[in-house]
Amino acid sequence: MITKTRPVESPQEKVTDDGMAALQAAAEAKDELAFLTARKAIDWAARPAEDFVRAVQLALMAGAFVAARNLAAEGAERYSDHAELQKMAYILAPPKVTVVKGKTNTTWKADRAWLKTHWDAYRGHWVALRNGELLGAADSLDGLVDQVGEIRGKGILVTPIW
């Protein structure tokens, strides 16, 4: 009688393969819920960096985008010298919004005040204003440009008044 023996898996092989097949199956089925369930069943504390990389790829395939972001961040934190995980964590990180305060442009207030005051007198004309001062008025835009000269980049408001 011949008995077949299974090859003995090393502890590292067992940890690497344990649970990854369920992630793979869920990703191939595009089943986000199954992926999330399989992800929770895995002890990520003992996983090598390559498992995090593969899990992020599978999460994206399954449509589990937040899980992909979280796996990438956790893997990047745990394996700070792993370039691929660092790149994944950077790409999948939430967007950062920064506000840069520029200098306040108050010329529009003066231009608006001029328009309110002189609107009736210049109805049907094109006007050019800078800081509330009338630079020119004409029946057409071309006529105004001929009168005022180059207007681009000069802080000049050009508008028709109807």
C-alpha atoms as a PDB file:
ATOM      1  CA  MET A   1       0.000   0.000   0.000  1.00  0.00           C
ATOM      2  CA  ILE A   2       1.387   3.347  -1.085  1.00  0.00           C
ATOM      3  CA  THR A   3       0.328   6.441   0.781  1.00  0.00           C
ATOM      4  CA  LYS A   4       0.697   9.876  -0.665  1.00  0.00           C
ATOM      5  CA  THR A   5       2.069  12.570   1.533  1.00  0.00           C
ATOM      6  CA  ARG A   6       1.498  16.221   1.020  1.00  0.00           C
ATOM      7  CA  PRO A   7       4.555  18.417   0.873  1.00  0.00           C
ATOM      8  CA  VAL A   8       5.032  20.299   4.091  1.00  0.00           C
ATOM      9  CA  GLU A   9       4.513  24.034   3.765  1.00  0.00           C
ATOM     10  CA  SER A  10       6.885  26.343   5.513  1.00  0.00           C
ATOM     11  CA  PRO A  11       5.221  28.752   7.980  1.00  0.00           C
ATOM     12  CA  GLN A  12       6.041  31.671   5.654  1.00  0.00           C
ATOM     13  CA  GLU A  13       4.344  29.982   2.664  1.00  0.00           C
ATOM     14  CA  LYS A  14       1.268  29.245   4.727  1.00  0.00           C
ATOM     15  CA  VAL A  15       1.003  32.864   5.890  1.00  0.00           C
ATOM     16  CA  THR A  16       1.504  34.197   2.352  1.00  0.00           C
ATOM     17  CA  ASP A  17      -1.131  31.955   0.761  1.00  0.00           C
ATOM     18  CA  ASP A  18      -3.650  31.943   3.615  1.00  0.00           C
ATOM     19  CA  GLY A  19      -6.627  34.094   2.617  1.00  0.00           C
ATOM     20  CA  MET A  20      -5.143  35.502  -0.586  1.00  0.00           C
ATOM     21  CA  ALA A  21      -7.094  32.998  -2.703  1.00  0.00           C
ATOM     22  CA  ALA A  22     -10.376  34.389  -1.325  1.00  0.00           C
ATOM     23  CA  LEU A  23      -9.249  37.917  -2.186  1.00  0.00           C
ATOM     24  CA  GLN A  24      -8.319  36.757  -5.687  1.00  0.00           C
ATOM     25  CA  ALA A  25     -11.690  35.048  -6.220  1.00  0.00           C
ATOM     26  CA  ALA A  26     -13.622  38.085  -4.994  1.00  0.00           C
ATOM     27  CA  ALA A  27     -11.592  40.410  -7.217  1.00  0.00           C
ATOM     28  CA  GLU A  28     -12.088  38.230 -10.292  1.00  0.00           C
ATOM     29  CA  ALA A  29     -15.828  38.161  -9.570  1.00  0.00           C
ATOM     30  CA  LYS A  30     -15.773  41.962  -9.119  1.00  0.00           C
ATOM     31  CA  ASP A  31     -17.510  41.382  -5.789  1.00  0.00           C
ATOM     32  CA  GLU A  32     -16.609  44.230  -3.468  1.00  0.00           C
ATOM     33  CA  LEU A  33     -18.550  42.853  -0.493  1.00  0.00           C
ATOM     34  CA  ALA A  34     -16.881  39.429  -0.770  1.00  0.00           C
ATOM     35  CA  PHE A  35     -13.511  41.151  -1.043  1.00  0.00           C
ATOM     36  CA  LEU A  36     -14.127  43.201   2.102  1.00  0.00           C
ATOM     37  CA  THR A  37     -15.255  40.091   3.982  1.00  0.00           C
ATOM     38  CA  ALA A  38     -12.169  38.143   2.885  1.00  0.00           C
ATOM     39  CA  ARG A  39      -9.929  41.080   3.798  1.00  0.00           C
ATOM     40  CA  LYS A  40     -11.279  41.176   7.353  1.00  0.00           C
ATOM     41  CA  ALA A  41     -10.526  37.472   7.794  1.00  0.00           C
ATOM     42  CA  ILE A  42      -6.804  37.995   7.130  1.00  0.00           C
ATOM     43  CA  ASP A  43      -4.288  38.795   9.856  1.00  0.00           C
ATOM     44  CA  TRP A  44      -2.344  41.539   8.110  1.00  0.00           C
ATOM     45  CA  ALA A  45       0.181  41.884  10.936  1.00  0.00           C
ATOM     46  CA  ALA A  46       2.083  38.837   9.703  1.00  0.00           C
ATOM     47  CA  ARG A  47       1.909  39.596   5.972  1.00  0.00           C
ATOM     48  CA  PRO A  48       4.934  40.370   3.801  1.00  0.00           C
ATOM     49  CA  ALA A  49       5.060  43.540   1.711  1.00  0.00           C
ATOM     50  CA  GLU A  50       4.276  41.638  -1.504  1.00  0.00           C
ATOM     51  CA  ASP A  51       0.930  40.522  -0.057  1.00  0.00           C
ATOM     52  CA  PHE A  52       0.003  44.153   0.585  1.00  0.00           C
ATOM     53  CA  VAL A  53       0.942  45.059  -2.987  1.00  0.00           C
ATOM     54  CA  ARG A  54      -1.126  42.186  -4.384  1.00  0.00           C
ATOM     55  CA  ALA A  55      -4.053  42.952  -2.053  1.00  0.00           C
ATOM     56  CA  VAL A  56      -4.113  46.597  -3.212  1.00  0.00           C
ATOM     57  CA  GLN A  57      -4.173  45.451  -6.842  1.00  0.00           C
ATOM     58  CA  LEU A  58      -6.970  42.988  -6.102  1.00  0.00           C
ATOM     59  CA  ALA A  59      -8.950  45.606  -4.157  1.00  0.00           C
ATOM     60  CA  LEU A  60      -8.824  47.921  -7.155  1.00  0.00           C
ATOM     61  CA  MET A  61      -9.921  45.064  -9.401  1.00  0.00           C
ATOM     62  CA  ALA A  62     -12.849  44.314  -7.063  1.00  0.00           C
ATOM     63  CA  GLY A  63     -13.894  47.964  -6.924  1.00  0.00           C
ATOM     64  CA  ALA A  64     -13.021  48.251  -3.231  1.00  0.00           C
ATOM     65  CA  PHE A  65     -11.257  51.594  -3.593  1.00  0.00           C
ATOM     66  CA  VAL A  66     -11.305  52.648   0.057  1.00  0.00           C
ATOM     67  CA  ALA A  67      -9.949  49.233   1.039  1.00  0.00           C
ATOM     68  CA  ALA A  68      -7.180  49.682  -1.553  1.00  0.00           C
ATOM     69  CA  ARG A  69      -6.302  53.050  -0.028  1.00  0.00           C
ATOM     70  CA  ASN A  70      -6.271  51.609   3.502  1.00  0.00           C
ATOM     71  CA  LEU A  71      -4.211  48.555   2.536  1.00  0.00           C
ATOM     72  CA  ALA A  72      -1.687  50.749   0.723  1.00  0.00           C
ATOM     73  CA  ALA A  73      -1.401  53.090   3.708  1.00  0.00           C
ATOM     74  CA  GLU A  74      -1.032  50.226   6.187  1.00  0.00           C
ATOM     75  CA  GLY A  75       1.542  48.480   4.019  1.00  0.00           C
ATOM     76  CA  ALA A  76       3.509  51.687   3.460  1.00  0.00           C
ATOM     77  CA  GLU A  77       3.559  52.367   7.186  1.00  0.00           C
ATOM     78  CA  ARG A  78       4.686  48.849   8.015  1.00  0.00           C
ATOM     79  CA  TYR A  79       7.239  48.618   5.189  1.00  0.00           C
ATOM     80  CA  SER A  80       8.582  52.158   4.940  1.00  0.00           C
ATOM     81  CA  ASP A  81      11.456  51.100   2.673  1.00  0.00           C
ATOM     82  CA  HIS A  82       9.245  49.325   0.101  1.00  0.00           C
ATOM     83  CA  ALA A  83       9.113  51.656  -2.917  1.00  0.00           C
ATOM     84  CA  GLU A  84       6.036  50.084  -4.535  1.00  0.00           C
ATOM     85  CA  LEU A  85       3.935  50.384  -1.375  1.00  0.00           C
ATOM     86  CA  GLN A  86       5.086  53.956  -0.839  1.00  0.00           C
ATOM     87  CA  LYS A  87       4.066  54.799  -4.399  1.00  0.00           C
ATOM     88  CA  MET A  88       0.667  53.100  -3.992  1.00  0.00           C
ATOM     89  CA  ALA A  89       0.002  54.898  -0.712  1.00  0.00           C
ATOM     90  CA  TYR A  90       0.894  58.245  -2.288  1.00  0.00           C
ATOM     91  CA  ILE A  91      -1.274  57.707  -5.368  1.00  0.00           C
ATOM     92  CA  LEU A  92      -4.290  56.388  -3.453  1.00  0.00           C
ATOM     93  CA  ALA A  93      -4.112  58.907  -0.602  1.00  0.00           C
ATOM     94  CA  PRO A  94      -7.045  61.299  -0.262  1.00  0.00           C
ATOM     95  CA  PRO A  95      -6.558  64.557  -2.119  1.00  0.00           C
ATOM     96  CA  LYS A  96      -5.121  67.440  -0.149  1.00  0.00           C
ATOM     97  CA  VAL A  97      -6.720  70.832  -0.545  1.00  0.00           C
ATOM     98  CA  THR A  98      -4.603  73.852   0.186  1.00  0.00           C
ATOM     99  CA  VAL A  99      -5.728  77.440   0.178  1.00  0.00           C
ATOM    100  CA  VAL A 100      -3.321  80.119  -0.899  1.00  0.00           C
ATOM    101  CA  LYS A 101      -4.422  83.607  -0.063  1.00  0.00           C
ATOM    102  CA  GLY A 102      -3.474  86.016  -2.797  1.00  0.00           C
ATOM    103  CA  LYS A 103      -3.317  89.735  -2.557  1.00  0.00           C
ATOM    104  CA  THR A 104      -6.741  91.311  -2.497  1.00  0.00           C
ATOM    105  CA  ASN A 105      -7.760  92.893  -5.747  1.00  0.00           C
ATOM    106  CA  THR A 106     -10.021  95.799  -4.863  1.00  0.00           C
ATOM    107  CA  THR A 107     -10.097  97.284  -8.370  1.00  0.00           C
ATOM    108  CA  TRP A 108     -13.236  95.319  -9.207  1.00  0.00           C
ATOM    109  CA  LYS A 109     -15.091  97.195  -6.480  1.00  0.00           C
ATOM    110  CA  ALA A 110     -14.152 100.536  -7.997  1.00  0.00           C
ATOM    111  CA  ASP A 111     -15.015  99.289 -11.503  1.00  0.00           C
ATOM    112  CA  ARG A 112     -18.375  98.014 -10.285  1.00  0.00           C
ATOM    113  CA  ALA A 113     -19.141 101.319  -8.567  1.00  0.00           C
ATOM    114  CA  TRP A 114     -18.296 103.200 -11.800  1.00  0.00           C
ATOM    115  CA  LEU A 115     -20.569 100.886 -13.815  1.00  0.00           C
ATOM    116  CA  LYS A 116     -23.467 101.417 -11.391  1.00  0.00           C
ATOM    117  CA  THR A 117     -23.063 105.183 -11.565  1.00  0.00           C
ATOM    118  CA  HIS A 118     -22.501 105.568 -15.335  1.00  0.00           C
ATOM    119  CA  TRP A 119     -24.415 102.603 -16.713  1.00  0.00           C
ATOM    120  CA  ASP A 120     -27.213 104.632 -18.273  1.00  0.00           C
ATOM    121  CA  ALA A 121     -24.923 107.136 -20.017  1.00  0.00           C
ATOM    122  CA  TYR A 122     -22.847 104.405 -21.740  1.00  0.00           C
ATOM    123  CA  ARG A 123     -25.622 101.947 -22.613  1.00  0.00           C
ATOM    124  CA  GLY A 124     -24.947 100.298 -26.006  1.00  0.00           C
ATOM    125  CA  HIS A 125     -21.198 101.002 -25.826  1.00  0.00           C
ATOM    126  CA  TRP A 126     -18.075  99.063 -24.951  1.00  0.00           C
ATOM    127  CA  VAL A 127     -16.096 100.527 -22.065  1.00  0.00           C
ATOM    128  CA  ALA A 128     -12.599  99.981 -20.684  1.00  0.00           C
ATOM    129  CA  LEU A 129     -12.094 100.573 -16.960  1.00  0.00           C
ATOM    130  CA  ARG A 130      -9.159 100.318 -14.595  1.00  0.00           C
ATOM    131  CA  ASN A 131      -9.606 100.884 -10.887  1.00  0.00           C
ATOM    132  CA  GLY A 132     -12.873 102.752 -11.400  1.00  0.00           C
ATOM    133  CA  GLU A 133     -11.461 105.086 -14.057  1.00  0.00           C
ATOM    134  CA  LEU A 134     -12.824 105.181 -17.597  1.00  0.00           C
ATOM    135  CA  LEU A 135     -10.016 104.553 -20.092  1.00  0.00           C
ATOM    136  CA  GLY A 136     -12.194 104.615 -23.184  1.00  0.00           C
ATOM    137  CA  ALA A 137     -15.622 104.003 -24.700  1.00  0.00           C
ATOM    138  CA  ALA A 138     -16.618 102.965 -28.218  1.00  0.00           C
ATOM    139  CA  ASP A 139     -19.452 101.451 -30.240  1.00  0.00           C
ATOM    140  CA  SER A 140     -17.465  98.239 -30.874  1.00  0.00           C
ATOM    141  CA  LEU A 141     -14.773  96.183 -29.225  1.00  0.00           C
ATOM    142  CA  ASP A 142     -12.391  96.870 -32.114  1.00  0.00           C
ATOM    143  CA  GLY A 143     -12.992 100.590 -31.766  1.00  0.00           C
ATOM    144  CA  LEU A 144     -12.295 100.400 -28.040  1.00  0.00           C
ATOM    145  CA  VAL A 145      -9.053  98.479 -28.570  1.00  0.00           C
ATOM    146  CA  ASP A 146      -7.979 101.056 -31.173  1.00  0.00           C
ATOM    147  CA  GLN A 147      -8.662 103.776 -28.626  1.00  0.00           C
ATOM    148  CA  VAL A 148      -7.126 102.167 -25.526  1.00  0.00           C
ATOM    149  CA  GLY A 149      -4.364 100.052 -27.059  1.00  0.00           C
ATOM    150  CA  GLU A 150      -3.222  96.656 -25.752  1.00  0.00           C
ATOM    151  CA  ILE A 151      -5.523  95.493 -22.958  1.00  0.00           C
ATOM    152  CA  ARG A 152      -4.264  91.997 -22.149  1.00  0.00           C
ATOM    153  CA  GLY A 153      -2.438  91.657 -18.853  1.00  0.00           C
ATOM    154  CA  LYS A 154      -2.939  95.300 -17.936  1.00  0.00           C
ATOM    155  CA  GLY A 155      -5.685  94.859 -15.327  1.00  0.00           C
ATOM    156  CA  ILE A 156      -8.232  96.503 -17.588  1.00  0.00           C
ATOM    157  CA  LEU A 157     -11.906  95.561 -17.444  1.00  0.00           C
ATOM    158  CA  VAL A 158     -13.473  95.554 -20.910  1.00  0.00           C
ATOM    159  CA  THR A 159     -17.231  95.089 -21.077  1.00  0.00           C
ATOM    160  CA  PRO A 160     -20.246  95.991 -23.154  1.00  0.00           C
ATOM    161  CA  ILE A 161     -23.009  97.866 -21.361  1.00  0.00           C
ATOM    162  CA  TRP A 162     -26.530  96.795 -22.357  1.00  0.00           C
END
